[in-house]
Amino acid sequence: MQRPVIMALGAFCCTLALGTAFAQTPQASPKPVLADPSIAPPGWRVPKNEFGQPDLSGFWSNATTTPTTRNPRVSTGPTLSHEEAQKLEANIAEAFAQRDVSSDPNVLPGSAEDKAKDARLGAVRPDVIGAGGKVGGYNAFWLDPGSQFVRIKGEYRTSILTTPDGQIPPRKDGQKSDARQYDEENAVNLGSYDSYETRPLGERCLAFGRNAPPPMLPNGFYNNNYQIVQTADSAVIHIEQIHDVRVVRLNSQHRTDGVRQWQGDSVGRYEGNTLVVETINIPQKQNFFGGWRKLKVTERFTRVSPTQIDYSFQVEEPDVWEKPWGGEYTFHPLGGAIYENACHEGNYSLPGILRGGQAKG
């Protein structure tokens, strides 16, 4: 199935804005209290595989309602109470359900009636409403963004970032920290339609947002699913979106030839029950909020319960930020397998984008 690729990291940074849309809308009854997946049951021990490594293998998902950066309209603090999290999760579920009702074929995208239908979902997930651009956003049927907040050590998190304010730290050069792609002279024109090489990576089906390149982040839309395979000398992470694969060499050295391969150069080691992965040489077009030349990302995968892997990351780029910073979230069981993700195969999307842009220009 062909799905438009229009996601940029900044598009889902503030996905939980509530505004006044819920002020006059009845809220759903709180869900029943479930066992906390972030806390292991009594007597549980981390399983080990045949190589004596902590067993991280299997199919996992990092889909979550928690946005990358904290939305101050939801909370100014790093955590939510159980009651607050339940109410927000219920509101978001109701908003998606409302948007998922059958569409009237006589109502044009962008019309007043269509906008009224989108109003409630737009209050909690404005990125979803804008997903289709001027032709209208996706129906909720196509989306699988996650339904629960990240929960770590019993705490519901309001952002994936763990910076004091839940925001991206300011850059040393005073520039805005965004997800724009830079070349050596900061002159890449993402509005150019001269060639497929000037189009964004997602549009070219080479990479989609931050799903694959470290730090790996949920994209807020769909296909936030992963398979982890462990061997004696490597850990392999298969990403559903664009069917990317990261191969982490264990107890190895970084390459020294200067080649910046997709997803960077990752080497790993086990520290107790944690897989630690260090990645450098990340390509400029997979920059992290503008940092890439000296960017080093350190990731930690820790199995904490039968149904949860805690994932944390730290980014360092001395030319861009004053000090290291990072974030954390969780992986939960997918409950299924990963299937092929077809992007532009067999259709006319990219040629159509180029011809349309050139004709308009």
Protein backbone atom coordinates (compact mmCIF):
# COMPACT_ATOMS: atom_id res chain seq x y z
CA MET A 1 0.00 0.00 0.00
CA GLN A 2 1.34 3.39 -0.94
CA ARG A 3 1.41 5.91 1.87
CA PRO A 4 2.42 9.56 1.38
CA VAL A 5 5.59 10.43 3.19
CA ILE A 6 5.32 13.88 4.58
CA MET A 7 6.62 13.60 8.07
CA ALA A 8 9.44 15.71 9.49
CA LEU A 9 10.56 15.47 13.05
CA GLY A 10 9.20 18.85 13.97
CA ALA A 11 5.76 17.87 12.67
CA PHE A 12 4.96 15.81 15.72
CA CYS A 13 6.92 17.56 18.45
CA CYS A 14 3.78 19.12 19.96
CA THR A 15 1.11 16.52 19.38
CA LEU A 16 -0.98 16.88 22.51
CA ALA A 17 -2.31 20.44 22.38
CA LEU A 18 -5.70 20.47 24.05
CA GLY A 19 -6.81 24.08 23.81
CA THR A 20 -10.48 24.66 24.46
CA ALA A 21 -11.71 21.82 22.27
CA PHE A 22 -12.39 19.61 25.27
CA ALA A 23 -13.91 22.31 27.42
CA GLN A 24 -17.40 21.51 26.18
CA THR A 25 -16.87 17.82 25.38
CA PRO A 26 -17.72 15.09 27.90
CA GLN A 27 -14.68 13.06 28.83
CA ALA A 28 -14.63 9.29 28.72
CA SER A 29 -14.63 7.24 31.87
CA PRO A 30 -11.11 6.37 33.08
CA LYS A 31 -9.79 3.01 31.95
CA PRO A 32 -9.26 0.28 34.55
CA VAL A 33 -5.89 0.26 36.26
CA LEU A 34 -3.60 -2.27 34.58
CA ALA A 35 -0.37 -3.80 35.76
CA ASP A 36 2.52 -1.39 35.32
CA PRO A 37 4.71 -2.77 32.48
CA SER A 38 7.60 -0.57 33.58
CA ILE A 39 7.99 -2.50 36.84
CA ALA A 40 8.94 -6.18 36.83
CA PRO A 41 6.71 -8.58 38.79
CA PRO A 42 8.20 -10.13 41.96
CA GLY A 43 10.77 -12.80 41.24
CA TRP A 44 11.14 -11.96 37.55
CA ARG A 45 14.64 -12.04 36.12
CA VAL A 46 15.90 -10.78 32.77
CA PRO A 47 15.98 -13.79 30.40
CA LYS A 48 19.28 -14.64 28.73
CA ASN A 49 19.76 -15.98 25.22
CA GLU A 50 22.08 -18.76 24.08
CA PHE A 51 25.01 -16.31 24.03
CA GLY A 52 24.49 -15.27 27.63
CA GLN A 53 23.20 -11.86 26.56
CA PRO A 54 20.08 -10.19 27.98
CA ASP A 55 17.32 -11.31 25.64
CA LEU A 56 16.03 -8.30 23.68
CA SER A 57 14.97 -10.29 20.65
CA GLY A 58 11.52 -10.23 19.15
CA PHE A 59 9.04 -7.78 17.66
CA TRP A 60 8.56 -4.47 19.45
CA SER A 61 6.87 -1.08 18.97
CA ASN A 62 7.72 2.40 20.22
CA ALA A 63 4.39 3.99 19.21
CA THR A 64 3.31 6.37 21.97
CA THR A 65 1.10 9.32 22.77
CA THR A 66 4.03 11.04 24.48
CA PRO A 67 5.47 13.70 22.11
CA THR A 68 9.17 14.26 21.55
CA THR A 69 9.06 17.70 23.19
CA ARG A 70 6.83 18.74 26.08
CA ASN A 71 3.64 20.58 25.26
CA PRO A 72 3.17 23.26 27.95
CA ARG A 73 -0.57 23.29 27.23
CA VAL A 74 -0.68 19.77 28.61
CA SER A 75 1.83 20.08 31.43
CA THR A 76 4.77 22.18 32.50
CA GLY A 77 6.27 19.30 34.45
CA PRO A 78 7.98 16.09 33.33
CA THR A 79 5.27 13.69 34.53
CA LEU A 80 1.52 13.17 34.73
CA SER A 81 -0.50 11.52 37.45
CA HIS A 82 -2.26 8.26 36.66
CA GLU A 83 -5.59 10.07 36.52
CA GLU A 84 -4.29 12.81 34.23
CA ALA A 85 -2.74 10.30 31.85
CA GLN A 86 -5.93 8.24 31.67
CA LYS A 87 -8.09 11.25 30.87
CA LEU A 88 -5.75 12.46 28.15
CA GLU A 89 -5.47 9.00 26.60
CA ALA A 90 -9.27 8.68 26.58
CA ASN A 91 -9.69 12.11 24.98
CA ILE A 92 -7.22 11.28 22.24
CA ALA A 93 -8.89 7.92 21.56
CA GLU A 94 -12.30 9.61 21.28
CA ALA A 95 -10.92 12.27 18.93
CA PHE A 96 -9.48 9.61 16.62
CA ALA A 97 -12.72 7.64 16.69
CA GLN A 98 -14.67 10.77 15.74
CA ARG A 99 -12.37 11.40 12.78
CA ASP A 100 -12.65 7.77 11.68
CA VAL A 101 -16.36 7.82 10.89
CA SER A 102 -17.41 7.40 7.26
CA SER A 103 -16.61 10.39 5.06
CA ASP A 104 -19.23 12.15 2.98
CA PRO A 105 -18.00 12.03 -0.64
CA ASN A 106 -19.74 15.35 -1.30
CA VAL A 107 -17.72 17.18 1.35
CA LEU A 108 -14.54 18.60 -0.13
CA PRO A 109 -11.27 18.48 1.86
CA GLY A 110 -10.66 21.81 3.51
CA SER A 111 -14.29 22.90 3.47
CA ALA A 112 -15.94 24.38 6.56
CA GLU A 113 -17.78 21.11 7.19
CA ASP A 114 -14.60 19.10 6.86
CA LYS A 115 -12.74 21.45 9.18
CA ALA A 116 -15.51 21.16 11.76
CA LYS A 117 -15.10 17.39 11.71
CA ASP A 118 -11.39 17.79 12.23
CA ALA A 119 -11.65 20.33 15.04
CA ARG A 120 -11.45 17.94 17.97
CA LEU A 121 -8.65 15.79 16.59
CA GLY A 122 -6.80 18.94 15.59
CA ALA A 123 -6.80 20.04 19.21
CA VAL A 124 -4.88 16.96 20.33
CA ARG A 125 -3.01 15.96 17.15
CA PRO A 126 -2.63 18.95 14.81
CA ASP A 127 0.07 17.11 12.86
CA VAL A 128 -2.49 14.49 11.80
CA ILE A 129 -4.87 17.12 10.41
CA GLY A 130 -2.11 18.57 8.26
CA ALA A 131 -0.79 15.20 7.15
CA GLY A 132 -2.28 15.39 3.67
CA GLY A 133 -1.44 19.01 3.01
CA LYS A 134 -3.96 20.88 0.85
CA VAL A 135 -5.71 17.66 -0.13
CA GLY A 136 -6.72 16.89 3.46
CA GLY A 137 -5.23 14.69 6.15
CA TYR A 138 -5.36 10.94 6.50
CA ASN A 139 -8.47 9.26 7.77
CA ALA A 140 -7.69 7.87 11.19
CA PHE A 141 -7.98 4.36 9.72
CA TRP A 142 -4.50 4.72 8.26
CA LEU A 143 -2.85 5.88 11.46
CA ASP A 144 -1.33 3.92 14.32
CA PRO A 145 0.41 6.60 16.40
CA GLY A 146 0.13 4.92 19.79
CA SER A 147 -2.51 5.22 22.48
CA GLN A 148 -0.61 5.45 25.75
CA PHE A 149 1.92 7.73 27.39
CA VAL A 150 5.45 6.52 27.98
CA ARG A 151 5.65 4.97 31.43
CA ILE A 152 9.05 4.58 33.09
CA LYS A 153 9.47 3.38 36.67
CA GLY A 154 5.79 4.02 37.23
CA GLU A 155 5.87 7.61 35.94
CA TYR A 156 3.91 8.86 32.93
CA ARG A 157 6.19 11.09 30.88
CA THR A 158 5.06 14.31 29.18
CA SER A 159 7.94 14.29 26.70
CA ILE A 160 10.53 11.91 25.35
CA LEU A 161 13.24 14.51 25.90
CA THR A 162 14.58 14.59 29.44
CA THR A 163 15.94 18.12 29.32
CA PRO A 164 14.72 20.33 32.24
CA ASP A 165 11.99 21.98 30.16
CA GLY A 166 11.40 19.06 27.83
CA GLN A 167 12.63 21.12 24.88
CA ILE A 168 15.61 21.03 22.51
CA PRO A 169 18.53 22.96 24.05
CA PRO A 170 19.51 26.23 22.32
CA ARG A 171 22.28 26.03 19.77
CA LYS A 172 25.63 27.67 20.45
CA ASP A 173 25.43 29.66 17.22
CA GLY A 174 22.01 31.07 18.08
CA GLN A 175 20.27 29.35 15.17
CA LYS A 176 16.97 27.60 15.68
CA SER A 177 17.33 23.87 16.34
CA ASP A 178 15.13 22.33 13.69
CA ALA A 179 15.25 19.30 11.42
CA ARG A 180 16.35 21.08 8.26
CA GLN A 181 18.84 19.20 6.15
CA TYR A 182 22.17 20.88 5.49
CA ASP A 183 24.93 20.38 2.96
CA GLU A 184 28.48 21.55 3.58
CA GLU A 185 27.49 25.16 2.88
CA ASN A 186 24.02 24.96 4.47
CA ALA A 187 22.61 25.49 1.00
CA VAL A 188 20.35 22.51 0.36
CA ASN A 189 17.12 23.79 -1.17
CA LEU A 190 14.37 21.38 -0.15
CA GLY A 191 11.98 23.26 -2.41
CA SER A 192 13.92 22.38 -5.56
CA TYR A 193 12.25 20.11 -8.10
CA ASP A 194 15.21 19.90 -10.49
CA SER A 195 16.05 16.33 -9.53
CA TYR A 196 15.04 13.54 -7.19
CA GLU A 197 18.37 14.11 -5.42
CA THR A 198 17.14 17.48 -4.13
CA ARG A 199 14.03 15.99 -2.53
CA PRO A 200 13.86 14.92 1.14
CA LEU A 201 14.94 11.41 2.12
CA GLY A 202 11.43 10.37 3.14
CA GLU A 203 10.02 11.43 -0.21
CA ARG A 204 12.71 9.33 -1.89
CA CYS A 205 11.95 6.35 0.39
CA LEU A 206 15.50 6.25 1.72
CA ALA A 207 14.66 7.04 5.34
CA PHE A 208 11.60 8.24 7.21
CA GLY A 209 12.10 10.83 9.93
CA ARG A 210 13.94 9.44 12.96
CA ASN A 211 12.57 5.89 12.93
CA ALA A 212 15.92 4.40 11.93
CA PRO A 213 18.82 6.85 12.36
CA PRO A 214 19.93 7.19 15.96
CA PRO A 215 18.48 8.40 18.13
CA MET A 216 15.48 6.33 17.00
CA LEU A 217 12.20 8.14 17.65
CA PRO A 218 8.56 7.29 16.92
CA ASN A 219 7.23 9.20 13.93
CA GLY A 220 3.75 9.88 15.30
CA PHE A 221 1.93 8.34 12.33
CA TYR A 222 2.42 4.63 11.66
CA ASN A 223 4.88 1.74 11.22
CA ASN A 224 6.68 2.42 14.50
CA ASN A 225 7.61 -1.25 14.69
CA TYR A 226 10.92 -3.05 15.08
CA GLN A 227 12.47 -6.50 15.15
CA ILE A 228 15.62 -7.14 17.20
CA VAL A 229 17.85 -10.09 16.33
CA GLN A 230 20.91 -10.93 18.45
CA THR A 231 23.95 -12.98 17.48
CA ALA A 232 27.29 -13.60 19.15
CA ASP A 233 28.95 -10.67 17.37
CA SER A 234 26.15 -8.30 16.40
CA ALA A 235 22.73 -6.93 17.23
CA VAL A 236 20.47 -6.26 14.26
CA ILE A 237 17.54 -3.83 14.40
CA HIS A 238 15.03 -4.17 11.58
CA ILE A 239 12.84 -1.07 11.24
CA GLU A 240 9.45 -1.53 9.58
CA GLN A 241 9.31 1.95 8.06
CA ILE A 242 11.21 1.92 4.73
CA HIS A 243 12.44 -1.57 5.81
CA ASP A 244 15.72 -0.11 7.11
CA VAL A 245 18.18 -2.31 8.97
CA ARG A 246 20.78 -1.23 11.52
CA VAL A 247 23.64 -3.66 12.13
CA VAL A 248 25.39 -2.99 15.44
CA ARG A 249 28.84 -4.60 15.57
CA LEU A 250 29.59 -5.84 19.08
CA ASN A 251 32.92 -5.20 20.81
CA SER A 252 34.29 -3.62 17.65
CA GLN A 253 35.93 -0.36 16.57
CA HIS A 254 34.48 2.49 14.55
CA ARG A 255 35.50 2.67 10.92
CA THR A 256 38.18 5.25 10.14
CA ASP A 257 37.73 5.74 6.39
CA GLY A 258 35.43 8.75 6.76
CA VAL A 259 32.48 7.05 5.06
CA ARG A 260 29.14 8.22 6.45
CA GLN A 261 26.78 5.35 5.74
CA TRP A 262 23.03 5.60 6.28
CA GLN A 263 22.15 5.40 10.00
CA GLY A 264 25.80 6.09 10.88
CA ASP A 265 28.47 3.70 12.18
CA SER A 266 27.20 1.80 15.23
CA VAL A 267 29.24 -0.34 17.61
CA GLY A 268 27.87 -1.90 20.77
CA ARG A 269 28.61 -3.76 23.97
CA TYR A 270 26.64 -5.33 26.79
CA GLU A 271 26.85 -3.83 30.24
CA GLY A 272 24.94 -6.18 32.52
CA ASN A 273 21.36 -6.30 31.23
CA THR A 274 21.83 -3.30 28.93
CA LEU A 275 22.88 -3.13 25.29
CA VAL A 276 24.92 0.07 24.85
CA VAL A 277 25.28 1.36 21.28
CA GLU A 278 27.56 4.23 20.25
CA THR A 279 27.06 5.77 16.80
CA ILE A 280 29.17 8.34 14.95
CA ASN A 281 29.69 9.34 11.29
CA ILE A 282 25.99 10.07 10.78
CA PRO A 283 25.28 11.52 7.29
CA GLN A 284 24.44 15.20 7.01
CA LYS A 285 21.02 14.43 5.57
CA GLN A 286 20.21 12.46 8.72
CA ASN A 287 21.28 15.28 11.00
CA PHE A 288 19.67 15.55 14.41
CA PHE A 289 18.24 19.06 14.80
CA GLY A 290 21.15 20.42 12.77
CA GLY A 291 23.94 18.41 14.43
CA TRP A 292 25.87 15.81 12.43
CA ARG A 293 29.56 16.58 11.79
CA LYS A 294 30.79 15.59 15.28
CA LEU A 295 27.53 14.06 16.44
CA LYS A 296 27.83 11.06 18.74
CA VAL A 297 24.70 9.23 19.88
CA THR A 298 24.82 6.77 22.76
CA GLU A 299 21.79 4.51 23.10
CA ARG A 300 20.87 2.09 25.89
CA PHE A 301 18.40 -0.78 25.52
CA THR A 302 17.43 -2.33 28.86
CA ARG A 303 14.90 -5.12 29.36
CA VAL A 304 13.04 -4.12 32.55
CA SER A 305 10.02 -6.44 32.54
CA PRO A 306 8.43 -9.21 30.46
CA THR A 307 6.67 -6.58 28.35
CA GLN A 308 9.00 -3.58 28.25
CA ILE A 309 12.41 -2.43 27.02
CA ASP A 310 13.56 0.94 28.27
CA TYR A 311 15.37 2.96 25.59
CA SER A 312 17.47 6.01 26.44
CA PHE A 313 19.79 8.14 24.35
CA GLN A 314 22.36 10.86 24.78
CA VAL A 315 23.50 13.17 21.98
CA GLU A 316 26.79 15.07 21.93
CA GLU A 317 27.81 17.63 19.31
CA PRO A 318 30.31 20.14 20.77
CA ASP A 319 30.04 22.46 17.76
CA VAL A 320 26.25 22.75 18.16
CA TRP A 321 25.32 22.36 21.85
CA GLU A 322 27.06 23.35 25.06
CA LYS A 323 26.66 19.95 26.71
CA PRO A 324 25.20 16.50 26.08
CA TRP A 325 21.45 15.99 26.36
CA GLY A 326 18.95 13.28 25.52
CA GLY A 327 15.73 11.46 26.25
CA GLU A 328 14.07 8.14 26.92
CA TYR A 329 10.98 6.12 26.05
CA THR A 330 9.88 2.48 26.00
CA PHE A 331 9.39 -0.41 23.59
CA HIS A 332 6.39 -2.68 24.14
CA PRO A 333 5.55 -6.00 22.45
CA LEU A 334 4.18 -5.60 18.94
CA GLY A 335 1.92 -8.61 19.17
CA GLY A 336 2.66 -9.56 15.58
CA ALA A 337 5.35 -9.59 12.93
CA ILE A 338 6.81 -6.99 10.59
CA TYR A 339 5.80 -7.13 6.95
CA GLU A 340 7.21 -5.46 3.85
CA ASN A 341 6.77 -1.71 3.75
CA ALA A 342 6.28 -0.67 0.13
CA CYS A 343 6.96 3.00 -0.47
CA HIS A 344 7.26 4.27 -4.06
CA GLU A 345 7.58 0.83 -5.66
CA GLY A 346 5.36 0.48 -8.71
CA ASN A 347 3.73 3.90 -8.71
CA TYR A 348 4.26 7.38 -10.09
CA SER A 349 4.61 9.42 -6.93
CA LEU A 350 8.12 10.81 -7.28
CA PRO A 351 7.95 11.49 -11.05
CA GLY A 352 4.61 13.17 -10.44
CA ILE A 353 6.06 15.31 -7.64
CA LEU A 354 8.92 16.46 -9.88
CA ARG A 355 6.72 17.16 -12.93
CA GLY A 356 4.13 18.97 -10.85
CA GLY A 357 6.73 21.11 -9.10
CA GLN A 358 8.47 21.97 -12.35
CA ALA A 359 5.17 22.85 -14.06
CA LYS A 360 4.12 25.07 -11.17
CA GLY A 361 7.53 26.73 -10.99
